[in-house]
Amino acid sequence: MTTAPLTTGNVTTGTLAPATGIALFDRWTALWNGDFGDPEAFLAPGFFIRFGNDPQNAATDEIHGPAGIVSYVSDFRARRPGLRYAVEGTPMVDGALGHVASRWNVTLPDGVAKSGIDLLEVVDGRIATVWSVTGLRRFAA
């Protein structure tokens, strides 16, 4: 099922609105919290992700498209039940570049918290590329 983008915008003319970028980051976070409904609405057909943490395990470089990331996150959550992701602060939006960046945290069922930073590239109102780095501890406030 192909769905219209969550919102519209043409990053080549610098029209990615802050509200659109924030909504896309919130939807991205919801996906990591297990909301797999209608990923085509906010992920580009050619979506891909690059994780910066484990260069020895670049198998994640093969994740492509909305179905690919949904499958990966679903499997990841099945191996680690009870995860809860949250955005820290307000995502920063660069409308001219079509980029959205934010810190986030995840709380594990045992109470351990970790943080990360994701940079989203938005093309035609959908997330096309994500660069993601996760830390071994939560960022200090």
C-alpha atoms as a PDB file:
ATOM      1  CA  MET A   1       0.000   0.000   0.000  1.00  0.00           C
ATOM      2  CA  THR A   2       1.472   3.332  -1.022  1.00  0.00           C
ATOM      3  CA  THR A   3       0.358   6.299   0.990  1.00  0.00           C
ATOM      4  CA  ALA A   4       0.770  10.023   0.490  1.00  0.00           C
ATOM      5  CA  PRO A   5       3.629  11.577   2.465  1.00  0.00           C
ATOM      6  CA  LEU A   6       2.966  12.705   6.037  1.00  0.00           C
ATOM      7  CA  THR A   7       3.360  16.219   4.690  1.00  0.00           C
ATOM      8  CA  THR A   8       4.671  17.911   1.609  1.00  0.00           C
ATOM      9  CA  GLY A   9       7.804  19.890   1.003  1.00  0.00           C
ATOM     10  CA  ASN A  10      10.516  20.384  -1.541  1.00  0.00           C
ATOM     11  CA  VAL A  11      13.917  20.446   0.140  1.00  0.00           C
ATOM     12  CA  THR A  12      15.599  21.670  -3.022  1.00  0.00           C
ATOM     13  CA  THR A  13      13.912  25.008  -2.464  1.00  0.00           C
ATOM     14  CA  GLY A  14      14.429  24.972   1.297  1.00  0.00           C
ATOM     15  CA  THR A  15      10.812  24.603   2.291  1.00  0.00           C
ATOM     16  CA  LEU A  16      11.054  21.920   4.983  1.00  0.00           C
ATOM     17  CA  ALA A  17       9.053  23.564   7.731  1.00  0.00           C
ATOM     18  CA  PRO A  18      10.144  23.116  11.349  1.00  0.00           C
ATOM     19  CA  ALA A  19       6.748  21.627  12.268  1.00  0.00           C
ATOM     20  CA  THR A  20       7.115  19.046   9.491  1.00  0.00           C
ATOM     21  CA  GLY A  21      10.619  18.070  10.609  1.00  0.00           C
ATOM     22  CA  ILE A  22       9.514  17.722  14.221  1.00  0.00           C
ATOM     23  CA  ALA A  23       6.487  15.629  13.207  1.00  0.00           C
ATOM     24  CA  LEU A  24       8.714  13.332  11.148  1.00  0.00           C
ATOM     25  CA  PHE A  25      11.138  12.871  14.053  1.00  0.00           C
ATOM     26  CA  ASP A  26       8.218  12.092  16.361  1.00  0.00           C
ATOM     27  CA  ARG A  27       6.916   9.518  13.851  1.00  0.00           C
ATOM     28  CA  TRP A  28      10.435   8.017  13.579  1.00  0.00           C
ATOM     29  CA  THR A  29      10.524   7.676  17.381  1.00  0.00           C
ATOM     30  CA  ALA A  30       7.066   6.071  17.388  1.00  0.00           C
ATOM     31  CA  LEU A  31       8.342   3.456  14.917  1.00  0.00           C
ATOM     32  CA  TRP A  32      11.126   2.545  17.379  1.00  0.00           C
ATOM     33  CA  ASN A  33       8.435   2.255  20.072  1.00  0.00           C
ATOM     34  CA  GLY A  34       6.636  -0.388  18.009  1.00  0.00           C
ATOM     35  CA  ASP A  35       4.170   1.688  15.962  1.00  0.00           C
ATOM     36  CA  PHE A  36       4.577   0.001  12.564  1.00  0.00           C
ATOM     37  CA  GLY A  37       1.414   1.429  11.006  1.00  0.00           C
ATOM     38  CA  ASP A  38       1.705   3.003   7.533  1.00  0.00           C
ATOM     39  CA  PRO A  39       5.488   3.488   7.313  1.00  0.00           C
ATOM     40  CA  GLU A  40       5.137   4.564   3.671  1.00  0.00           C
ATOM     41  CA  ALA A  41       3.517   7.769   4.928  1.00  0.00           C
ATOM     42  CA  PHE A  42       6.784   9.013   6.430  1.00  0.00           C
ATOM     43  CA  LEU A  43       9.588   6.856   4.954  1.00  0.00           C
ATOM     44  CA  ALA A  44      10.759   7.248   1.361  1.00  0.00           C
ATOM     45  CA  PRO A  45      10.615   4.159  -0.890  1.00  0.00           C
ATOM     46  CA  GLY A  46      14.435   4.175  -1.137  1.00  0.00           C
ATOM     47  CA  PHE A  47      14.933   4.709   2.627  1.00  0.00           C
ATOM     48  CA  PHE A  48      18.197   3.580   4.176  1.00  0.00           C
ATOM     49  CA  ILE A  49      19.894   3.882   7.573  1.00  0.00           C
ATOM     50  CA  ARG A  50      23.526   3.970   8.672  1.00  0.00           C
ATOM     51  CA  PHE A  51      24.417   3.094  12.255  1.00  0.00           C
ATOM     52  CA  GLY A  52      27.726   4.540  13.471  1.00  0.00           C
ATOM     53  CA  ASN A  53      28.305   2.249  16.421  1.00  0.00           C
ATOM     54  CA  ASP A  54      29.524  -1.075  15.131  1.00  0.00           C
ATOM     55  CA  PRO A  55      31.772  -0.888  12.054  1.00  0.00           C
ATOM     56  CA  GLN A  56      32.516  -4.600  12.443  1.00  0.00           C
ATOM     57  CA  ASN A  57      28.851  -5.400  11.852  1.00  0.00           C
ATOM     58  CA  ALA A  58      27.823  -3.461   8.763  1.00  0.00           C
ATOM     59  CA  ALA A  59      24.984  -5.872   7.931  1.00  0.00           C
ATOM     60  CA  THR A  60      22.604  -3.075   8.875  1.00  0.00           C
ATOM     61  CA  ASP A  61      23.835  -1.221   5.775  1.00  0.00           C
ATOM     62  CA  GLU A  62      21.595  -3.621   3.831  1.00  0.00           C
ATOM     63  CA  ILE A  63      18.403  -2.245   5.414  1.00  0.00           C
ATOM     64  CA  HIS A  64      16.410  -0.542   2.653  1.00  0.00           C
ATOM     65  CA  GLY A  65      12.890   0.750   2.244  1.00  0.00           C
ATOM     66  CA  PRO A  66      10.070   1.053   4.755  1.00  0.00           C
ATOM     67  CA  ALA A  67       9.585  -2.727   4.951  1.00  0.00           C
ATOM     68  CA  GLY A  68      13.279  -3.248   5.656  1.00  0.00           C
ATOM     69  CA  ILE A  69      13.420  -0.915   8.655  1.00  0.00           C
ATOM     70  CA  VAL A  70      10.082  -2.145  10.031  1.00  0.00           C
ATOM     71  CA  SER A  71      11.386  -5.722   9.904  1.00  0.00           C
ATOM     72  CA  TYR A  72      14.655  -4.715  11.578  1.00  0.00           C
ATOM     73  CA  VAL A  73      12.989  -2.713  14.378  1.00  0.00           C
ATOM     74  CA  SER A  74      10.384  -5.437  14.945  1.00  0.00           C
ATOM     75  CA  ASP A  75      13.118  -8.072  15.328  1.00  0.00           C
ATOM     76  CA  PHE A  76      15.200  -5.721  17.507  1.00  0.00           C
ATOM     77  CA  ARG A  77      12.252  -5.086  19.844  1.00  0.00           C
ATOM     78  CA  ALA A  78      11.407  -8.813  20.008  1.00  0.00           C
ATOM     79  CA  ARG A  79      14.922  -9.483  21.328  1.00  0.00           C
ATOM     80  CA  ARG A  80      14.700  -6.548  23.759  1.00  0.00           C
ATOM     81  CA  PRO A  81      11.104  -6.301  25.004  1.00  0.00           C
ATOM     82  CA  GLY A  82      10.050  -3.302  27.043  1.00  0.00           C
ATOM     83  CA  LEU A  83      12.218  -0.648  25.383  1.00  0.00           C
ATOM     84  CA  ARG A  84      10.893   2.899  25.522  1.00  0.00           C
ATOM     85  CA  TYR A  85      12.350   5.600  23.259  1.00  0.00           C
ATOM     86  CA  ALA A  86      11.849   9.341  23.834  1.00  0.00           C
ATOM     87  CA  VAL A  87      13.028  12.486  22.080  1.00  0.00           C
ATOM     88  CA  GLU A  88      15.143  14.780  24.262  1.00  0.00           C
ATOM     89  CA  GLY A  89      14.232  18.409  23.692  1.00  0.00           C
ATOM     90  CA  THR A  90      12.962  19.777  20.400  1.00  0.00           C
ATOM     91  CA  PRO A  91      14.452  18.408  17.180  1.00  0.00           C
ATOM     92  CA  MET A  92      16.512  20.927  15.209  1.00  0.00           C
ATOM     93  CA  VAL A  93      15.333  21.465  11.637  1.00  0.00           C
ATOM     94  CA  ASP A  94      17.448  22.866   8.804  1.00  0.00           C
ATOM     95  CA  GLY A  95      14.819  23.572   6.165  1.00  0.00           C
ATOM     96  CA  ALA A  96      17.357  24.543   3.503  1.00  0.00           C
ATOM     97  CA  LEU A  97      19.169  21.205   3.747  1.00  0.00           C
ATOM     98  CA  GLY A  98      16.120  19.115   4.570  1.00  0.00           C
ATOM     99  CA  HIS A  99      17.757  17.795   7.747  1.00  0.00           C
ATOM    100  CA  VAL A 100      16.305  17.104  11.184  1.00  0.00           C
ATOM    101  CA  ALA A 101      18.527  16.206  14.142  1.00  0.00           C
ATOM    102  CA  SER A 102      17.775  15.342  17.717  1.00  0.00           C
ATOM    103  CA  ARG A 103      19.002  13.599  20.814  1.00  0.00           C
ATOM    104  CA  TRP A 104      16.948  10.714  22.065  1.00  0.00           C
ATOM    105  CA  ASN A 105      17.055   8.258  24.935  1.00  0.00           C
ATOM    106  CA  VAL A 106      15.977   4.712  25.444  1.00  0.00           C
ATOM    107  CA  THR A 107      15.112   3.129  28.760  1.00  0.00           C
ATOM    108  CA  LEU A 108      15.679  -0.592  29.133  1.00  0.00           C
ATOM    109  CA  PRO A 109      13.374  -2.746  31.283  1.00  0.00           C
ATOM    110  CA  ASP A 110      16.065  -2.947  33.985  1.00  0.00           C
ATOM    111  CA  GLY A 111      16.083   0.868  34.257  1.00  0.00           C
ATOM    112  CA  VAL A 112      19.359   1.404  32.398  1.00  0.00           C
ATOM    113  CA  ALA A 113      19.149   4.390  30.059  1.00  0.00           C
ATOM    114  CA  LYS A 114      21.195   5.118  26.955  1.00  0.00           C
ATOM    115  CA  SER A 115      21.213   8.090  24.610  1.00  0.00           C
ATOM    116  CA  GLY A 116      21.818   8.686  20.955  1.00  0.00           C
ATOM    117  CA  ILE A 117      21.630  11.205  18.163  1.00  0.00           C
ATOM    118  CA  ASP A 118      19.832  10.721  14.862  1.00  0.00           C
ATOM    119  CA  LEU A 119      20.143  12.885  11.774  1.00  0.00           C
ATOM    120  CA  LEU A 120      17.290  12.522   9.293  1.00  0.00           C
ATOM    121  CA  GLU A 121      17.440  13.597   5.662  1.00  0.00           C
ATOM    122  CA  VAL A 122      13.982  14.495   4.357  1.00  0.00           C
ATOM    123  CA  VAL A 123      13.165  14.377   0.652  1.00  0.00           C
ATOM    124  CA  ASP A 124       9.703  15.191  -0.687  1.00  0.00           C
ATOM    125  CA  GLY A 125       8.159  15.095   2.791  1.00  0.00           C
ATOM    126  CA  ARG A 126       9.513  11.671   3.786  1.00  0.00           C
ATOM    127  CA  ILE A 127      12.578  10.440   5.635  1.00  0.00           C
ATOM    128  CA  ALA A 128      15.050   9.223   3.001  1.00  0.00           C
ATOM    129  CA  THR A 129      18.190   8.610   5.060  1.00  0.00           C
ATOM    130  CA  VAL A 130      19.023   8.273   8.757  1.00  0.00           C
ATOM    131  CA  TRP A 131      22.457   8.404  10.376  1.00  0.00           C
ATOM    132  CA  SER A 132      22.241   7.080  13.941  1.00  0.00           C
ATOM    133  CA  VAL A 133      24.732   6.858  16.808  1.00  0.00           C
ATOM    134  CA  THR A 134      23.934   5.324  20.204  1.00  0.00           C
ATOM    135  CA  GLY A 135      25.989   5.937  23.330  1.00  0.00           C
ATOM    136  CA  LEU A 136      26.707   3.566  26.166  1.00  0.00           C
ATOM    137  CA  ARG A 137      25.098   5.837  28.741  1.00  0.00           C
ATOM    138  CA  ARG A 138      22.535   8.605  28.958  1.00  0.00           C
ATOM    139  CA  PHE A 139      23.647  12.142  28.110  1.00  0.00           C
ATOM    140  CA  ALA A 140      24.009  14.301  31.195  1.00  0.00           C
ATOM    141  CA  ALA A 141      21.440  17.075  31.468  1.00  0.00           C
END
